Amino acid sequence: MRRIALWGTIVLLGGVCLWLLAAHSNDLLPILQPGLLVLEVRSPTMILEQTNRRYTVSCETRCGIFVTGKKYPMRKRGSILEYRRKGETITLPILQEQIFFPTQPGGLG
């Protein structure tokens, strides 16, 4: 009887964990992804970098809230980057995206 209660509790807790993960996955994703580093702010544009990607975005009147050298958690949604701050969502249209590939020293041939 004790073993059945233990397994029932484990299954119930696992189900609750899966439900919470599914319900709040949009909130967890920015935490798991590395932030975008602000390389340069020149109103009305800004240059951001994340691992092997560099974005030039339009920030227009919102350029003043970003600080050069600081990382910000953002989500890419098609042709825009979204940044959430104090309950508001700031959308930054992507003007240019560059992808860098790691190269091997001495070439491949």
C-alpha atoms as a PDB file:
ATOM      1  CA  MET A   1       0.000   0.000   0.000  1.00  0.00           C
ATOM      2  CA  ARG A   2       2.852   2.381   0.818  1.00  0.00           C
ATOM      3  CA  ARG A   3       4.536   1.645  -2.496  1.00  0.00           C
ATOM      4  CA  ILE A   4       1.360   2.487  -4.424  1.00  0.00           C
ATOM      5  CA  ALA A   5       1.023   5.796  -2.546  1.00  0.00           C
ATOM      6  CA  LEU A   6       4.679   6.626  -3.269  1.00  0.00           C
ATOM      7  CA  TRP A   7       4.314   5.908  -6.993  1.00  0.00           C
ATOM      8  CA  GLY A   8       1.042   7.831  -7.125  1.00  0.00           C
ATOM      9  CA  THR A   9       2.737  10.843  -5.538  1.00  0.00           C
ATOM     10  CA  ILE A  10       5.663  10.647  -7.995  1.00  0.00           C
ATOM     11  CA  VAL A  11       3.326  10.445 -10.991  1.00  0.00           C
ATOM     12  CA  LEU A  12       1.214  13.327  -9.668  1.00  0.00           C
ATOM     13  CA  LEU A  13       4.272  15.557  -9.088  1.00  0.00           C
ATOM     14  CA  GLY A  14       5.623  14.679 -12.533  1.00  0.00           C
ATOM     15  CA  GLY A  15       2.313  15.613 -14.120  1.00  0.00           C
ATOM     16  CA  VAL A  16       2.215  18.945 -12.282  1.00  0.00           C
ATOM     17  CA  CYS A  17       5.803  19.695 -13.379  1.00  0.00           C
ATOM     18  CA  LEU A  18       4.976  18.923 -17.019  1.00  0.00           C
ATOM     19  CA  TRP A  19       1.844  21.068 -16.855  1.00  0.00           C
ATOM     20  CA  LEU A  20       3.799  24.013 -15.389  1.00  0.00           C
ATOM     21  CA  LEU A  21       6.516  23.618 -18.010  1.00  0.00           C
ATOM     22  CA  ALA A  22       3.968  23.610 -20.845  1.00  0.00           C
ATOM     23  CA  ALA A  23       2.010  26.540 -19.412  1.00  0.00           C
ATOM     24  CA  HIS A  24       5.061  28.757 -18.824  1.00  0.00           C
ATOM     25  CA  SER A  25       7.463  27.685 -21.577  1.00  0.00           C
ATOM     26  CA  ASN A  26       7.335  31.170 -23.177  1.00  0.00           C
ATOM     27  CA  ASP A  27       8.591  32.668 -19.923  1.00  0.00           C
ATOM     28  CA  LEU A  28      11.377  30.097 -19.505  1.00  0.00           C
ATOM     29  CA  LEU A  29      12.842  30.350 -23.008  1.00  0.00           C
ATOM     30  CA  PRO A  30      14.496  33.784 -22.575  1.00  0.00           C
ATOM     31  CA  ILE A  31      16.119  32.561 -19.349  1.00  0.00           C
ATOM     32  CA  LEU A  32      17.716  29.603 -21.127  1.00  0.00           C
ATOM     33  CA  GLN A  33      18.981  31.579 -24.141  1.00  0.00           C
ATOM     34  CA  PRO A  34      22.036  33.821 -23.876  1.00  0.00           C
ATOM     35  CA  GLY A  35      21.251  37.526 -23.954  1.00  0.00           C
ATOM     36  CA  LEU A  36      22.051  39.839 -26.838  1.00  0.00           C
ATOM     37  CA  LEU A  37      25.037  42.100 -26.249  1.00  0.00           C
ATOM     38  CA  VAL A  38      24.631  45.733 -27.304  1.00  0.00           C
ATOM     39  CA  LEU A  39      27.697  46.607 -29.390  1.00  0.00           C
ATOM     40  CA  GLU A  40      26.688  50.060 -30.555  1.00  0.00           C
ATOM     41  CA  VAL A  41      23.754  52.442 -30.180  1.00  0.00           C
ATOM     42  CA  ARG A  42      23.404  55.100 -32.881  1.00  0.00           C
ATOM     43  CA  SER A  43      19.901  56.500 -32.933  1.00  0.00           C
ATOM     44  CA  PRO A  44      17.773  55.364 -34.806  1.00  0.00           C
ATOM     45  CA  THR A  45      19.665  52.035 -35.068  1.00  0.00           C
ATOM     46  CA  MET A  46      21.477  49.648 -32.758  1.00  0.00           C
ATOM     47  CA  ILE A  47      23.874  46.722 -33.306  1.00  0.00           C
ATOM     48  CA  LEU A  48      23.386  43.585 -31.179  1.00  0.00           C
ATOM     49  CA  GLU A  49      25.365  40.340 -31.036  1.00  0.00           C
ATOM     50  CA  GLN A  50      24.512  36.837 -29.801  1.00  0.00           C
ATOM     51  CA  THR A  51      26.979  33.945 -30.157  1.00  0.00           C
ATOM     52  CA  ASN A  52      27.495  33.744 -33.948  1.00  0.00           C
ATOM     53  CA  ARG A  53      24.834  36.290 -35.022  1.00  0.00           C
ATOM     54  CA  ARG A  54      24.935  40.060 -35.355  1.00  0.00           C
ATOM     55  CA  TYR A  55      21.765  42.103 -35.768  1.00  0.00           C
ATOM     56  CA  THR A  56      21.296  45.698 -36.865  1.00  0.00           C
ATOM     57  CA  VAL A  57      17.887  46.785 -35.595  1.00  0.00           C
ATOM     58  CA  SER A  58      15.771  49.906 -35.682  1.00  0.00           C
ATOM     59  CA  CYS A  59      15.187  51.244 -32.172  1.00  0.00           C
ATOM     60  CA  GLU A  60      13.953  54.765 -33.091  1.00  0.00           C
ATOM     61  CA  THR A  61      12.671  56.433 -29.884  1.00  0.00           C
ATOM     62  CA  ARG A  62      13.629  53.453 -27.668  1.00  0.00           C
ATOM     63  CA  CYS A  63      17.410  53.643 -28.240  1.00  0.00           C
ATOM     64  CA  GLY A  64      17.891  55.494 -24.956  1.00  0.00           C
ATOM     65  CA  ILE A  65      16.916  52.523 -22.785  1.00  0.00           C
ATOM     66  CA  PHE A  66      19.766  50.325 -24.096  1.00  0.00           C
ATOM     67  CA  VAL A  67      23.332  50.609 -22.793  1.00  0.00           C
ATOM     68  CA  THR A  68      26.414  49.687 -24.835  1.00  0.00           C
ATOM     69  CA  GLY A  69      28.196  46.636 -23.378  1.00  0.00           C
ATOM     70  CA  LYS A  70      25.145  45.270 -21.550  1.00  0.00           C
ATOM     71  CA  LYS A  71      23.241  42.056 -22.375  1.00  0.00           C
ATOM     72  CA  TYR A  72      19.467  41.960 -22.766  1.00  0.00           C
ATOM     73  CA  PRO A  73      17.215  38.867 -22.988  1.00  0.00           C
ATOM     74  CA  MET A  74      15.333  39.025 -26.287  1.00  0.00           C
ATOM     75  CA  ARG A  75      13.319  36.678 -28.476  1.00  0.00           C
ATOM     76  CA  LYS A  76      13.533  36.545 -32.237  1.00  0.00           C
ATOM     77  CA  ARG A  77      10.114  36.463 -33.859  1.00  0.00           C
ATOM     78  CA  GLY A  78      10.569  36.391 -37.605  1.00  0.00           C
ATOM     79  CA  SER A  79      11.889  39.777 -38.677  1.00  0.00           C
ATOM     80  CA  ILE A  80      11.737  41.418 -35.230  1.00  0.00           C
ATOM     81  CA  LEU A  81      13.399  41.079 -31.835  1.00  0.00           C
ATOM     82  CA  GLU A  82      11.157  41.359 -28.774  1.00  0.00           C
ATOM     83  CA  TYR A  83      12.367  42.737 -25.459  1.00  0.00           C
ATOM     84  CA  ARG A  84      10.110  42.670 -22.407  1.00  0.00           C
ATOM     85  CA  ARG A  85      10.590  45.352 -19.808  1.00  0.00           C
ATOM     86  CA  LYS A  86       8.344  46.112 -16.838  1.00  0.00           C
ATOM     87  CA  GLY A  87       5.278  44.541 -18.403  1.00  0.00           C
ATOM     88  CA  GLU A  88       5.690  46.144 -21.830  1.00  0.00           C
ATOM     89  CA  THR A  89       6.964  44.497 -24.993  1.00  0.00           C
ATOM     90  CA  ILE A  90       9.377  46.513 -27.112  1.00  0.00           C
ATOM     91  CA  THR A  91       9.641  45.362 -30.736  1.00  0.00           C
ATOM     92  CA  LEU A  92      12.837  46.054 -32.646  1.00  0.00           C
ATOM     93  CA  PRO A  93      12.581  45.480 -36.433  1.00  0.00           C
ATOM     94  CA  ILE A  94      15.658  43.686 -37.819  1.00  0.00           C
ATOM     95  CA  LEU A  95      17.283  45.685 -40.613  1.00  0.00           C
ATOM     96  CA  GLN A  96      20.242  43.340 -41.182  1.00  0.00           C
ATOM     97  CA  GLU A  97      21.292  39.939 -39.836  1.00  0.00           C
ATOM     98  CA  GLN A  98      24.793  38.508 -40.185  1.00  0.00           C
ATOM     99  CA  ILE A  99      25.687  34.906 -39.364  1.00  0.00           C
ATOM    100  CA  PHE A 100      29.298  33.986 -38.649  1.00  0.00           C
ATOM    101  CA  PHE A 101      30.569  30.426 -39.110  1.00  0.00           C
ATOM    102  CA  PRO A 102      33.576  29.160 -37.184  1.00  0.00           C
ATOM    103  CA  THR A 103      36.486  28.417 -39.515  1.00  0.00           C
ATOM    104  CA  GLN A 104      39.224  25.882 -38.995  1.00  0.00           C
ATOM    105  CA  PRO A 105      42.809  27.165 -38.960  1.00  0.00           C
ATOM    106  CA  GLY A 106      44.534  26.359 -42.233  1.00  0.00           C
ATOM    107  CA  GLY A 107      41.328  25.855 -44.206  1.00  0.00           C
ATOM    108  CA  LEU A 108      39.500  22.645 -45.018  1.00  0.00           C
ATOM    109  CA  GLY A 109      41.585  21.437 -47.956  1.00  0.00           C
END
